[in-house]
PDB file of N, CA and C in Angstrom:
ATOM      1  N   MET A   1      72.896  72.474  72.814  1.00  0.00           N
ATOM      2  CA  MET A   1      72.490  71.882  74.072  1.00  0.00           C
ATOM      3  C   MET A   1      71.211  72.569  74.546  1.00  0.00           C
ATOM      4  N   GLU A   2      70.298  71.791  75.092  1.00  0.00           N
ATOM      5  CA  GLU A   2      69.033  72.335  75.568  1.00  0.00           C
ATOM      6  C   GLU A   2      69.232  73.157  76.827  1.00  0.00           C
ATOM      7  N   GLU A   3      68.416  74.197  76.948  1.00  0.00           N
ATOM      8  CA  GLU A   3      68.421  74.998  78.164  1.00  0.00           C
ATOM      9  C   GLU A   3      67.761  74.205  79.281  1.00  0.00           C
ATOM     10  N   SER A   4      68.297  74.295  80.460  1.00  0.00           N
ATOM     11  CA  SER A   4      67.710  73.633  81.612  1.00  0.00           C
ATOM     12  C   SER A   4      66.678  74.546  82.251  1.00  0.00           C
ATOM     13  N   ASN A   5      65.626  73.969  82.757  1.00  0.00           N
ATOM     14  CA  ASN A   5      64.630  74.747  83.485  1.00  0.00           C
ATOM     15  C   ASN A   5      65.048  74.983  84.925  1.00  0.00           C
ATOM     16  N   MET A   6      66.207  74.460  85.300  1.00  0.00           N
ATOM     17  CA  MET A   6      66.669  74.596  86.670  1.00  0.00           C
ATOM     18  C   MET A   6      66.967  76.058  87.017  1.00  0.00           C
ATOM     19  N   PHE A   7      67.489  76.808  86.062  1.00  0.00           N
ATOM     20  CA  PHE A   7      67.844  78.203  86.284  1.00  0.00           C
ATOM     21  C   PHE A   7      67.078  79.067  85.296  1.00  0.00           C
ATOM     22  N   PRO A   8      66.421  80.127  85.786  1.00  0.00           N
ATOM     23  CA  PRO A   8      65.701  80.999  84.851  1.00  0.00           C
ATOM     24  C   PRO A   8      66.667  81.701  83.905  1.00  0.00           C
ATOM     25  N   ILE A   9      66.205  81.940  82.708  1.00  0.00           N
ATOM     26  CA  ILE A   9      67.006  82.667  81.734  1.00  0.00           C
ATOM     27  C   ILE A   9      66.999  84.139  82.123  1.00  0.00           C
ATOM     28  N   LEU A  10      68.173  84.745  82.098  1.00  0.00           N
ATOM     29  CA  LEU A  10      68.271  86.169  82.443  1.00  0.00           C
ATOM     30  C   LEU A  10      67.829  87.006  81.249  1.00  0.00           C
ATOM     31  N   SER A  11      66.568  87.297  81.201  1.00  0.00           N
ATOM     32  CA  SER A  11      66.020  88.102  80.110  1.00  0.00           C
ATOM     33  C   SER A  11      66.281  89.581  80.378  1.00  0.00           C
ATOM     34  N   LYS A  12      66.113  90.390  79.345  1.00  0.00           N
ATOM     35  CA  LYS A  12      66.251  91.841  79.513  1.00  0.00           C
ATOM     36  C   LYS A  12      65.246  92.354  80.534  1.00  0.00           C
ATOM     37  N   GLU A  13      64.057  91.768  80.538  1.00  0.00           N
ATOM     38  CA  GLU A  13      63.020  92.169  81.500  1.00  0.00           C
ATOM     39  C   GLU A  13      63.451  91.859  82.934  1.00  0.00           C
ATOM     40  N   MET A  14      64.033  90.678  83.141  1.00  0.00           N
ATOM     41  CA  MET A  14      64.494  90.321  84.481  1.00  0.00           C
ATOM     42  C   MET A  14      65.623  91.258  84.925  1.00  0.00           C
ATOM     43  N   LEU A  15      66.528  91.562  84.012  1.00  0.00           N
ATOM     44  CA  LEU A  15      67.625  92.480  84.344  1.00  0.00           C
ATOM     45  C   LEU A  15      67.094  93.871  84.684  1.00  0.00           C
ATOM     46  N   ARG A  16      66.076  94.317  83.938  1.00  0.00           N
ATOM     47  CA  ARG A  16      65.473  95.621  84.207  1.00  0.00           C
ATOM     48  C   ARG A  16      64.827  95.626  85.592  1.00  0.00           C
ATOM     49  N   LYS A  17      64.090  94.580  85.918  1.00  0.00           N
ATOM     50  CA  LYS A  17      63.441  94.487  87.231  1.00  0.00           C
ATOM     51  C   LYS A  17      64.477  94.458  88.348  1.00  0.00           C
ATOM     52  N   ARG A  18      65.516  93.669  88.160  1.00  0.00           N
ATOM     53  CA  ARG A  18      66.562  93.577  89.183  1.00  0.00           C
ATOM     54  C   ARG A  18      67.195  94.938  89.417  1.00  0.00           C
ATOM     55  N   THR A  19      67.462  95.647  88.341  1.00  0.00           N
ATOM     56  CA  THR A  19      68.053  96.977  88.459  1.00  0.00           C
ATOM     57  C   THR A  19      67.102  97.934  89.162  1.00  0.00           C
ATOM     58  N   SER A  20      65.812  97.857  88.855  1.00  0.00           N
ATOM     59  CA  SER A  20      64.839  98.778  89.456  1.00  0.00           C
ATOM     60  C   SER A  20      64.688  98.558  90.959  1.00  0.00           C
ATOM     61  N   LEU A  21      64.983  97.373  91.446  1.00  0.00           N
ATOM     62  CA  LEU A  21      64.854  97.080  92.874  1.00  0.00           C
ATOM     63  C   LEU A  21      65.996  97.659  93.706  1.00  0.00           C
ATOM     64  N   ALA A  22      67.146  97.871  93.092  1.00  0.00           N
ATOM     65  CA  ALA A  22      68.308  98.430  93.807  1.00  0.00           C
ATOM     66  C   ALA A  22      69.201  99.145  92.801  1.00  0.00           C
ATOM     67  N   PRO A  23      68.718 100.261  92.232  1.00  0.00           N
ATOM     68  CA  PRO A  23      69.451 100.908  91.139  1.00  0.00           C
ATOM     69  C   PRO A  23      70.857 101.384  91.509  1.00  0.00           C
ATOM     70  N   GLU A  24      71.030 101.934  92.690  1.00  0.00           N
ATOM     71  CA  GLU A  24      72.357 102.433  93.074  1.00  0.00           C
ATOM     72  C   GLU A  24      73.343 101.283  93.264  1.00  0.00           C
ATOM     73  N   SER A  25      72.880 100.228  93.873  1.00  0.00           N
ATOM     74  CA  SER A  25      73.743  99.054  94.061  1.00  0.00           C
ATOM     75  C   SER A  25      74.126  98.447  92.718  1.00  0.00           C
ATOM     76  N   MET A  26      73.157  98.361  91.816  1.00  0.00           N
ATOM     77  CA  MET A  26      73.429  97.789  90.495  1.00  0.00           C
ATOM     78  C   MET A  26      74.414  98.663  89.726  1.00  0.00           C
ATOM     79  N   LYS A  27      74.231  99.976  89.810  1.00  0.00           N
ATOM     80  CA  LYS A  27      75.142 100.907  89.130  1.00  0.00           C
ATOM     81  C   LYS A  27      76.564 100.745  89.683  1.00  0.00           C
ATOM     82  N   ALA A  28      76.679 100.655  91.000  1.00  0.00           N
ATOM     83  CA  ALA A  28      77.994 100.501  91.632  1.00  0.00           C
ATOM     84  C   ALA A  28      78.633  99.171  91.232  1.00  0.00           C
ATOM     85  N   TRP A  29      77.820  98.110  91.204  1.00  0.00           N
ATOM     86  CA  TRP A  29      78.352  96.804  90.829  1.00  0.00           C
ATOM     87  C   TRP A  29      78.806  96.792  89.375  1.00  0.00           C
ATOM     88  N   MET A  30      78.018  97.384  88.492  1.00  0.00           N
ATOM     89  CA  MET A  30      78.389  97.432  87.067  1.00  0.00           C
ATOM     90  C   MET A  30      79.687  98.213  86.876  1.00  0.00           C
ATOM     91  N   ASN A  31      79.825  99.319  87.597  1.00  0.00           N
ATOM     92  CA  ASN A  31      81.057 100.108  87.526  1.00  0.00           C
ATOM     93  C   ASN A  31      82.245  99.276  88.018  1.00  0.00           C
ATOM     94  N   PHE A  32      82.047  98.569  89.131  1.00  0.00           N
ATOM     95  CA  PHE A  32      83.088  97.697  89.678  1.00  0.00           C
ATOM     96  C   PHE A  32      83.477  96.626  88.661  1.00  0.00           C
ATOM     97  N   SER A  33      82.472  95.956  88.103  1.00  0.00           N
ATOM     98  CA  SER A  33      82.718  94.891  87.133  1.00  0.00           C
ATOM     99  C   SER A  33      83.457  95.416  85.905  1.00  0.00           C
ATOM    100  N   ASN A  34      82.994  96.535  85.370  1.00  0.00           N
ATOM    101  CA  ASN A  34      83.644  97.121  84.188  1.00  0.00           C
ATOM    102  C   ASN A  34      85.086  97.509  84.484  1.00  0.00           C
ATOM    103  N   THR A  35      85.340  98.023  85.680  1.00  0.00           N
ATOM    104  CA  THR A  35      86.696  98.412  86.070  1.00  0.00           C
ATOM    105  C   THR A  35      87.597  97.182  86.179  1.00  0.00           C
ATOM    106  N   VAL A  36      87.099  96.145  86.820  1.00  0.00           N
ATOM    107  CA  VAL A  36      87.882  94.920  87.018  1.00  0.00           C
ATOM    108  C   VAL A  36      88.283  94.285  85.690  1.00  0.00           C
ATOM    109  N   PHE A  37      87.373  94.289  84.717  1.00  0.00           N
ATOM    110  CA  PHE A  37      87.643  93.592  83.458  1.00  0.00           C
ATOM    111  C   PHE A  37      88.321  94.460  82.398  1.00  0.00           C
ATOM    112  N   LYS A  38      88.658  95.712  82.740  1.00  0.00           N
ATOM    113  CA  LYS A  38      89.400  96.555  81.794  1.00  0.00           C
ATOM    114  C   LYS A  38      90.824  96.029  81.640  1.00  0.00           C
ATOM    115  N   GLU A  39      91.383  96.273  80.467  1.00  0.00           N
ATOM    116  CA  GLU A  39      92.788  95.937  80.197  1.00  0.00           C
ATOM    117  C   GLU A  39      93.661  96.602  81.254  1.00  0.00           C
ATOM    118  N   GLY A  40      94.576  95.870  81.799  1.00  0.00           N
ATOM    119  CA  GLY A  40      95.496  96.396  82.808  1.00  0.00           C
ATOM    120  C   GLY A  40      96.778  95.597  82.743  1.00  0.00           C
ATOM    121  N   ALA A  41      97.309  95.225  83.894  1.00  0.00           N
ATOM    122  CA  ALA A  41      98.487  94.362  83.916  1.00  0.00           C
ATOM    123  C   ALA A  41      98.158  93.019  83.255  1.00  0.00           C
ATOM    124  N   LEU A  42      96.892  92.627  83.359  1.00  0.00           N
ATOM    125  CA  LEU A  42      96.400  91.424  82.669  1.00  0.00           C
ATOM    126  C   LEU A  42      95.527  91.855  81.501  1.00  0.00           C
ATOM    127  N   SER A  43      95.579  91.102  80.433  1.00  0.00           N
ATOM    128  CA  SER A  43      94.728  91.404  79.279  1.00  0.00           C
ATOM    129  C   SER A  43      93.276  91.070  79.618  1.00  0.00           C
ATOM    130  N   GLU A  44      92.349  91.655  78.859  1.00  0.00           N
ATOM    131  CA  GLU A  44      90.929  91.335  79.051  1.00  0.00           C
ATOM    132  C   GLU A  44      90.697  89.845  78.832  1.00  0.00           C
ATOM    133  N   LYS A  45      91.365  89.284  77.856  1.00  0.00           N
ATOM    134  CA  LYS A  45      91.225  87.853  77.570  1.00  0.00           C
ATOM    135  C   LYS A  45      91.638  87.027  78.785  1.00  0.00           C
ATOM    136  N   THR A  46      92.785  87.353  79.362  1.00  0.00           N
ATOM    137  CA  THR A  46      93.267  86.620  80.533  1.00  0.00           C
ATOM    138  C   THR A  46      92.292  86.755  81.692  1.00  0.00           C
ATOM    139  N   LYS A  47      91.767  87.958  81.893  1.00  0.00           N
ATOM    140  CA  LYS A  47      90.815  88.181  82.986  1.00  0.00           C
ATOM    141  C   LYS A  47      89.556  87.339  82.801  1.00  0.00           C
ATOM    142  N   HIS A  48      89.081  87.226  81.573  1.00  0.00           N
ATOM    143  CA  HIS A  48      87.882  86.415  81.344  1.00  0.00           C
ATOM    144  C   HIS A  48      88.186  84.923  81.448  1.00  0.00           C
ATOM    145  N   LEU A  49      89.386  84.506  81.103  1.00  0.00           N
ATOM    146  CA  LEU A  49      89.771  83.108  81.311  1.00  0.00           C
ATOM    147  C   LEU A  49      89.838  82.791  82.809  1.00  0.00           C
ATOM    148  N   ILE A  50      90.370  83.726  83.587  1.00  0.00           N
ATOM    149  CA  ILE A  50      90.385  83.548  85.045  1.00  0.00           C
ATOM    150  C   ILE A  50      88.951  83.473  85.562  1.00  0.00           C
ATOM    151  N   ALA A  51      88.108  84.393  85.095  1.00  0.00           N
ATOM    152  CA  ALA A  51      86.707  84.405  85.530  1.00  0.00           C
ATOM    153  C   ALA A  51      85.991  83.117  85.138  1.00  0.00           C
ATOM    154  N   LEU A  52      86.300  82.598  83.963  1.00  0.00           N
ATOM    155  CA  LEU A  52      85.701  81.341  83.520  1.00  0.00           C
ATOM    156  C   LEU A  52      86.099  80.205  84.465  1.00  0.00           C
ATOM    157  N   ALA A  53      87.365  80.167  84.830  1.00  0.00           N
ATOM    158  CA  ALA A  53      87.835  79.138  85.760  1.00  0.00           C
ATOM    159  C   ALA A  53      87.160  79.289  87.120  1.00  0.00           C
ATOM    160  N   VAL A  54      87.114  80.508  87.634  1.00  0.00           N
ATOM    161  CA  VAL A  54      86.481  80.767  88.931  1.00  0.00           C
ATOM    162  C   VAL A  54      84.997  80.406  88.882  1.00  0.00           C
ATOM    163  N   ALA A  55      84.335  80.717  87.778  1.00  0.00           N
ATOM    164  CA  ALA A  55      82.907  80.407  87.632  1.00  0.00           C
ATOM    165  C   ALA A  55      82.654  78.909  87.764  1.00  0.00           C
ATOM    166  N   HIS A  56      83.588  78.100  87.303  1.00  0.00           N
ATOM    167  CA  HIS A  56      83.430  76.653  87.451  1.00  0.00           C
ATOM    168  C   HIS A  56      83.608  76.228  88.904  1.00  0.00           C
ATOM    169  N   VAL A  57      84.493  76.890  89.631  1.00  0.00           N
ATOM    170  CA  VAL A  57      84.685  76.565  91.043  1.00  0.00           C
ATOM    171  C   VAL A  57      83.484  77.031  91.868  1.00  0.00           C
ATOM    172  N   THR A  58      82.967  78.223  91.570  1.00  0.00           N
ATOM    173  CA  THR A  58      81.802  78.731  92.304  1.00  0.00           C
ATOM    174  C   THR A  58      80.509  78.107  91.801  1.00  0.00           C
ATOM    175  N   GLN A  59      80.592  77.414  90.685  1.00  0.00           N
ATOM    176  CA  GLN A  59      79.470  76.695  90.077  1.00  0.00           C
ATOM    177  C   GLN A  59      78.302  77.618  89.740  1.00  0.00           C
ATOM    178  N   CYS A  60      78.629  78.752  89.150  1.00  0.00           N
ATOM    179  CA  CYS A  60      77.621  79.725  88.729  1.00  0.00           C
ATOM    180  C   CYS A  60      77.323  79.521  87.241  1.00  0.00           C
ATOM    181  N   PRO A  61      76.173  78.946  86.903  1.00  0.00           N
ATOM    182  CA  PRO A  61      75.885  78.679  85.495  1.00  0.00           C
ATOM    183  C   PRO A  61      75.809  79.948  84.645  1.00  0.00           C
ATOM    184  N   TYR A  62      75.312  81.022  85.218  1.00  0.00           N
ATOM    185  CA  TYR A  62      75.234  82.280  84.476  1.00  0.00           C
ATOM    186  C   TYR A  62      76.636  82.803  84.169  1.00  0.00           C
ATOM    187  N   CYS A  63      77.513  82.724  85.172  1.00  0.00           N
ATOM    188  CA  CYS A  63      78.890  83.195  85.004  1.00  0.00           C
ATOM    189  C   CYS A  63      79.647  82.324  84.005  1.00  0.00           C
ATOM    190  N   ILE A  64      79.408  81.022  84.054  1.00  0.00           N
ATOM    191  CA  ILE A  64      80.069  80.113  83.115  1.00  0.00           C
ATOM    192  C   ILE A  64      79.713  80.504  81.688  1.00  0.00           C
ATOM    193  N   ARG A  65      78.423  80.691  81.429  1.00  0.00           N
ATOM    194  CA  ARG A  65      77.991  81.066  80.078  1.00  0.00           C
ATOM    195  C   ARG A  65      78.554  82.432  79.673  1.00  0.00           C
ATOM    196  N   ALA A  66      78.439  83.404  80.569  1.00  0.00           N
ATOM    197  CA  ALA A  66      78.885  84.764  80.244  1.00  0.00           C
ATOM    198  C   ALA A  66      80.382  84.813  79.962  1.00  0.00           C
ATOM    199  N   HIS A  67      81.179  84.164  80.806  1.00  0.00           N
ATOM    200  CA  HIS A  67      82.631  84.257  80.635  1.00  0.00           C
ATOM    201  C   HIS A  67      83.149  83.327  79.544  1.00  0.00           C
ATOM    202  N   THR A  68      82.387  82.300  79.196  1.00  0.00           N
ATOM    203  CA  THR A  68      82.732  81.512  78.010  1.00  0.00           C
ATOM    204  C   THR A  68      82.573  82.397  76.782  1.00  0.00           C
ATOM    205  N   LYS A  69      81.433  83.078  76.694  1.00  0.00           N
ATOM    206  CA  LYS A  69      81.179  83.961  75.549  1.00  0.00           C
ATOM    207  C   LYS A  69      82.195  85.099  75.490  1.00  0.00           C
ATOM    208  N   GLU A  70      82.485  85.714  76.641  1.00  0.00           N
ATOM    209  CA  GLU A  70      83.446  86.825  76.666  1.00  0.00           C
ATOM    210  C   GLU A  70      84.853  86.343  76.334  1.00  0.00           C
ATOM    211  N   SER A  71      85.232  85.176  76.826  1.00  0.00           N
ATOM    212  CA  SER A  71      86.555  84.625  76.496  1.00  0.00           C
ATOM    213  C   SER A  71      86.676  84.412  74.994  1.00  0.00           C
ATOM    214  N   MET A  72      85.618  83.853  74.387  1.00  0.00           N
ATOM    215  CA  MET A  72      85.632  83.639  72.937  1.00  0.00           C
ATOM    216  C   MET A  72      85.685  84.978  72.206  1.00  0.00           C
ATOM    217  N   ARG A  73      84.922  85.959  72.695  1.00  0.00           N
ATOM    218  CA  ARG A  73      84.914  87.284  72.060  1.00  0.00           C
ATOM    219  C   ARG A  73      86.296  87.934  72.125  1.00  0.00           C
ATOM    220  N   MET A  74      87.040  87.625  73.186  1.00  0.00           N
ATOM    221  CA  MET A  74      88.385  88.179  73.355  1.00  0.00           C
ATOM    222  C   MET A  74      89.435  87.377  72.592  1.00  0.00           C
ATOM    223  N   GLY A  75      89.003  86.320  71.902  1.00  0.00           N
ATOM    224  CA  GLY A  75      89.933  85.550  71.077  1.00  0.00           C
ATOM    225  C   GLY A  75      90.487  84.294  71.716  1.00  0.00           C
ATOM    226  N   ALA A  76      89.953  83.893  72.866  1.00  0.00           N
ATOM    227  CA  ALA A  76      90.438  82.665  73.508  1.00  0.00           C
ATOM    228  C   ALA A  76      90.018  81.457  72.677  1.00  0.00           C
ATOM    229  N   SER A  77      90.915  80.516  72.579  1.00  0.00           N
ATOM    230  CA  SER A  77      90.601  79.275  71.859  1.00  0.00           C
ATOM    231  C   SER A  77      89.851  78.323  72.791  1.00  0.00           C
ATOM    232  N   LYS A  78      89.236  77.324  72.200  1.00  0.00           N
ATOM    233  CA  LYS A  78      88.559  76.297  72.996  1.00  0.00           C
ATOM    234  C   LYS A  78      89.567  75.600  73.904  1.00  0.00           C
ATOM    235  N   GLU A  79      90.768  75.405  73.387  1.00  0.00           N
ATOM    236  CA  GLU A  79      91.817  74.743  74.168  1.00  0.00           C
ATOM    237  C   GLU A  79      92.223  75.592  75.374  1.00  0.00           C
ATOM    238  N   GLU A  80      92.351  76.912  75.174  1.00  0.00           N
ATOM    239  CA  GLU A  80      92.697  77.796  76.295  1.00  0.00           C
ATOM    240  C   GLU A  80      91.607  77.775  77.363  1.00  0.00           C
ATOM    241  N   MET A  81      90.357  77.815  76.913  1.00  0.00           N
ATOM    242  CA  MET A  81      89.255  77.802  77.873  1.00  0.00           C
ATOM    243  C   MET A  81      89.224  76.489  78.644  1.00  0.00           C
ATOM    244  N   MET A  82      89.395  75.370  77.952  1.00  0.00           N
ATOM    245  CA  MET A  82      89.371  74.072  78.626  1.00  0.00           C
ATOM    246  C   MET A  82      90.534  73.941  79.587  1.00  0.00           C
ATOM    247  N   GLU A  83      91.700  74.460  79.200  1.00  0.00           N
ATOM    248  CA  GLU A  83      92.859  74.404  80.095  1.00  0.00           C
ATOM    249  C   GLU A  83      92.601  75.216  81.361  1.00  0.00           C
ATOM    250  N   ALA A  84      91.987  76.387  81.218  1.00  0.00           N
ATOM    251  CA  ALA A  84      91.637  77.203  82.387  1.00  0.00           C
ATOM    252  C   ALA A  84      90.667  76.449  83.297  1.00  0.00           C
ATOM    253  N   ILE A  85      89.710  75.759  82.692  1.00  0.00           N
ATOM    254  CA  ILE A  85      88.741  74.976  83.469  1.00  0.00           C
ATOM    255  C   ILE A  85      89.447  73.837  84.203  1.00  0.00           C
ATOM    256  N   TRP A  86      90.429  73.204  83.551  1.00  0.00           N
ATOM    257  CA  TRP A  86      91.187  72.139  84.213  1.00  0.00           C
ATOM    258  C   TRP A  86      92.005  72.683  85.377  1.00  0.00           C
ATOM    259  N   VAL A  87      92.557  73.881  85.235  1.00  0.00           N
ATOM    260  CA  VAL A  87      93.288  74.498  86.353  1.00  0.00           C
ATOM    261  C   VAL A  87      92.337  74.681  87.537  1.00  0.00           C
ATOM    262  N   ALA A  88      91.126  75.176  87.249  1.00  0.00           N
ATOM    263  CA  ALA A  88      90.134  75.360  88.314  1.00  0.00           C
ATOM    264  C   ALA A  88      89.789  74.026  88.969  1.00  0.00           C
ATOM    265  N   SER A  89      89.642  73.001  88.158  1.00  0.00           N
ATOM    266  CA  SER A  89      89.317  71.671  88.671  1.00  0.00           C
ATOM    267  C   SER A  89      90.419  71.160  89.594  1.00  0.00           C
ATOM    268  N   GLU A  90      91.660  71.361  89.195  1.00  0.00           N
ATOM    269  CA  GLU A  90      92.788  70.926  90.023  1.00  0.00           C
ATOM    270  C   GLU A  90      92.809  71.683  91.337  1.00  0.00           C
ATOM    271  N   MET A  91      92.547  72.984  91.279  1.00  0.00           N
ATOM    272  CA  MET A  91      92.566  73.792  92.494  1.00  0.00           C
ATOM    273  C   MET A  91      91.470  73.353  93.466  1.00  0.00           C
ATOM    274  N   ARG A  92      90.300  73.059  92.929  1.00  0.00           N
ATOM    275  CA  ARG A  92      89.202  72.628  93.809  1.00  0.00           C
ATOM    276  C   ARG A  92      89.507  71.263  94.428  1.00  0.00           C
ATOM    277  N   SER A  93      89.969  70.326  93.620  1.00  0.00           N
ATOM    278  CA  SER A  93      90.275  68.999  94.167  1.00  0.00           C
ATOM    279  C   SER A  93      91.522  69.058  95.043  1.00  0.00           C
ATOM    280  N   GLY A  94      92.465  69.912  94.667  1.00  0.00           N
ATOM    281  CA  GLY A  94      93.674  70.073  95.468  1.00  0.00           C
ATOM    282  C   GLY A  94      93.373  70.623  96.849  1.00  0.00           C
ATOM    283  N   ALA A  95      92.388  71.516  96.917  1.00  0.00           N
ATOM    284  CA  ALA A  95      91.998  72.079  98.211  1.00  0.00           C
ATOM    285  C   ALA A  95      91.425  70.990  99.113  1.00  0.00           C
ATOM    286  N   ALA A  96      90.632  70.096  98.529  1.00  0.00           N
ATOM    287  CA  ALA A  96      90.085  68.989  99.322  1.00  0.00           C
ATOM    288  C   ALA A  96      91.217  68.117  99.858  1.00  0.00           C
ATOM    289  N   LEU A  97      92.188  67.842  99.018  1.00  0.00           N
ATOM    290  CA  LEU A  97      93.332  67.042  99.444  1.00  0.00           C
ATOM    291  C   LEU A  97      94.137  67.780 100.517  1.00  0.00           C
ATOM    292  N   ALA A  98      94.369  69.068 100.312  1.00  0.00           N
ATOM    293  CA  ALA A  98      95.133  69.859 101.282  1.00  0.00           C
ATOM    294  C   ALA A  98      94.435  69.890 102.642  1.00  0.00           C
ATOM    295  N   HIS A  99      93.117  69.958 102.616  1.00  0.00           N
ATOM    296  CA  HIS A  99      92.367  69.998 103.872  1.00  0.00           C
ATOM    297  C   HIS A  99      92.401  68.668 104.618  1.00  0.00           C
ATOM    298  N   SER A 100      92.909  67.638 103.981  1.00  0.00           N
ATOM    299  CA  SER A 100      93.054  66.364 104.691  1.00  0.00           C
ATOM    300  C   SER A 100      93.984  66.531 105.888  1.00  0.00           C
ATOM    301  N   ALA A 101      94.812  67.564 105.864  1.00  0.00           N
ATOM    302  CA  ALA A 101      95.690  67.851 107.001  1.00  0.00           C
ATOM    303  C   ALA A 101      94.877  68.085 108.268  1.00  0.00           C
ATOM    304  N   LEU A 102      93.682  68.660 108.121  1.00  0.00           N
ATOM    305  CA  LEU A 102      92.816  68.873 109.285  1.00  0.00           C
ATOM    306  C   LEU A 102      92.384  67.534 109.881  1.00  0.00           C
ATOM    307  N   SER A 103      91.984  66.608 109.011  1.00  0.00           N
ATOM    308  CA  SER A 103      91.600  65.276 109.490  1.00  0.00           C
ATOM    309  C   SER A 103      92.791  64.561 110.109  1.00  0.00           C
ATOM    310  N   MET A 104      93.927  64.672 109.449  1.00  0.00           N
ATOM    311  CA  MET A 104      95.119  64.008 109.968  1.00  0.00           C
ATOM    312  C   MET A 104      95.504  64.572 111.329  1.00  0.00           C
ATOM    313  N   ASP A 105      95.352  65.873 111.508  1.00  0.00           N
ATOM    314  CA  ASP A 105      95.639  66.509 112.785  1.00  0.00           C
ATOM    315  C   ASP A 105      94.714  65.957 113.870  1.00  0.00           C
ATOM    316  N   GLU A 106      93.427  65.816 113.527  1.00  0.00           N
ATOM    317  CA  GLU A 106      92.470  65.269 114.491  1.00  0.00           C
ATOM    318  C   GLU A 106      92.766  63.809 114.805  1.00  0.00           C
ATOM    319  N   MET A 107      93.262  63.076 113.816  1.00  0.00           N
ATOM    320  CA  MET A 107      93.602  61.671 114.045  1.00  0.00           C
ATOM    321  C   MET A 107      94.678  61.538 115.116  1.00  0.00           C
ATOM    322  N   GLU A 108      95.541  62.545 115.189  1.00  0.00           N
ATOM    323  CA  GLU A 108      96.641  62.540 116.155  1.00  0.00           C
ATOM    324  C   GLU A 108      96.251  63.175 117.480  1.00  0.00           C
ATOM    325  N   ASN A 109      95.091  63.815 117.530  1.00  0.00           N
ATOM    326  CA  ASN A 109      94.637  64.504 118.730  1.00  0.00           C
ATOM    327  C   ASN A 109      94.421  63.486 119.848  1.00  0.00           C
ATOM    328  N   GLU A 110      94.890  63.825 121.033  1.00  0.00           N
ATOM    329  CA  GLU A 110      94.764  62.920 122.177  1.00  0.00           C
ATOM    330  C   GLU A 110      93.356  62.922 122.755  1.00  0.00           C
ATOM    331  N   GLU A 111      92.564  63.925 122.420  1.00  0.00           N
ATOM    332  CA  GLU A 111      91.227  64.035 122.984  1.00  0.00           C
ATOM    333  C   GLU A 111      90.206  63.909 121.870  1.00  0.00           C
ATOM    334  N   LEU A 112      89.272  63.028 122.031  1.00  0.00           N
ATOM    335  CA  LEU A 112      88.241  62.797 121.031  1.00  0.00           C
ATOM    336  C   LEU A 112      86.979  63.528 121.460  1.00  0.00           C
ATOM    337  N   ILE A 113      86.442  64.357 120.586  1.00  0.00           N
ATOM    338  CA  ILE A 113      85.206  65.078 120.887  1.00  0.00           C
ATOM    339  C   ILE A 113      84.097  64.446 120.071  1.00  0.00           C
ATOM    340  N   ILE A 114      83.065  64.000 120.756  1.00  0.00           N
ATOM    341  CA  ILE A 114      81.935  63.347 120.107  1.00  0.00           C
ATOM    342  C   ILE A 114      80.834  64.375 119.879  1.00  0.00           C
ATOM    343  N   PHE A 115      80.225  64.354 118.694  1.00  0.00           N
ATOM    344  CA  PHE A 115      79.131  65.256 118.362  1.00  0.00           C
ATOM    345  C   PHE A 115      77.829  64.665 118.866  1.00  0.00           C
ATOM    346  N   PRO A 116      76.765  65.375 119.014  1.00  0.00           N
ATOM    347  CA  PRO A 116      76.559  66.780 118.675  1.00  0.00           C
ATOM    348  C   PRO A 116      77.174  67.701 119.721  1.00  0.00           C
ATOM    349  N   PHE A 117      77.426  68.935 119.308  1.00  0.00           N
ATOM    350  CA  PHE A 117      78.056  69.907 120.186  1.00  0.00           C
ATOM    351  C   PHE A 117      77.221  70.195 121.431  1.00  0.00           C
ATOM    352  N   SER A 118      75.903  70.030 121.331  1.00  0.00           N
ATOM    353  CA  SER A 118      75.053  70.309 122.492  1.00  0.00           C
ATOM    354  C   SER A 118      75.351  69.352 123.648  1.00  0.00           C
ATOM    355  N   LYS A 119      75.912  68.207 123.323  1.00  0.00           N
ATOM    356  CA  LYS A 119      76.269  67.223 124.345  1.00  0.00           C
ATOM    357  C   LYS A 119      77.691  66.751 124.077  1.00  0.00           C
ATOM    358  N   ILE A 120      78.639  67.663 124.250  1.00  0.00           N
ATOM    359  CA  ILE A 120      80.032  67.317 123.960  1.00  0.00           C
ATOM    360  C   ILE A 120      80.530  66.297 124.974  1.00  0.00           C
ATOM    361  N   ILE A 121      81.062  65.243 124.453  1.00  0.00           N
ATOM    362  CA  ILE A 121      81.640  64.197 125.289  1.00  0.00           C
ATOM    363  C   ILE A 121      83.122  64.130 124.946  1.00  0.00           C
ATOM    364  N   ARG A 122      83.963  64.290 125.935  1.00  0.00           N
ATOM    365  CA  ARG A 122      85.402  64.234 125.713  1.00  0.00           C
ATOM    366  C   ARG A 122      85.921  62.872 126.184  1.00  0.00           C
ATOM    367  N   ILE A 123      86.634  62.236 125.320  1.00  0.00           N
ATOM    368  CA  ILE A 123      87.190  60.922 125.635  1.00  0.00           C
ATOM    369  C   ILE A 123      88.689  60.977 125.379  1.00  0.00           C
ATOM    370  N   SER A 124      89.465  60.621 126.365  1.00  0.00           N
ATOM    371  CA  SER A 124      90.916  60.551 126.167  1.00  0.00           C
ATOM    372  C   SER A 124      91.247  59.213 125.553  1.00  0.00           C
ATOM    373  N   LYS A 125      92.194  59.233 124.650  1.00  0.00           N
ATOM    374  CA  LYS A 125      92.605  57.985 123.985  1.00  0.00           C
ATOM    375  C   LYS A 125      93.412  57.134 124.927  1.00  0.00           C
TER     376      LYS A 125
END
C-alpha cells in the first residue's frame, strides 16, 4: 500500500529532533511506555493487541502501524489482530448507541433550550 502524504513519516531524524526539544519528557515517556508493555498479568502480545484496538478508536495512524508490527512480532495472527480491531469498532459504535440515552432524556425533558447559549430561550412544552 502506498504511503499517504497526509502524515509525515517518522524518520530517525524527526525522532531525534523531537527528543532534543524535550529530552526529559521523552525519557520519562519512553520509560512509561516500556514499563506498560512489559510482560505482566497480561502477555506482551495481549497488550499490543489491546493497543492496536485502541489505536483504531483514537485513529492514530502511527500507533496503528506500530502496534500492528509489534503484534505480529509477538506472534499475533492476522485473525487475532482483525478480531481486536472489530472489538474496538463495536465499542466505538456501541458508545454512540449508548449515548442515545442523552438524546432520549432530552426528548422527555419538559423544558426546551434553544441554542445558541448566548441567547438561551426556554420554552415549556
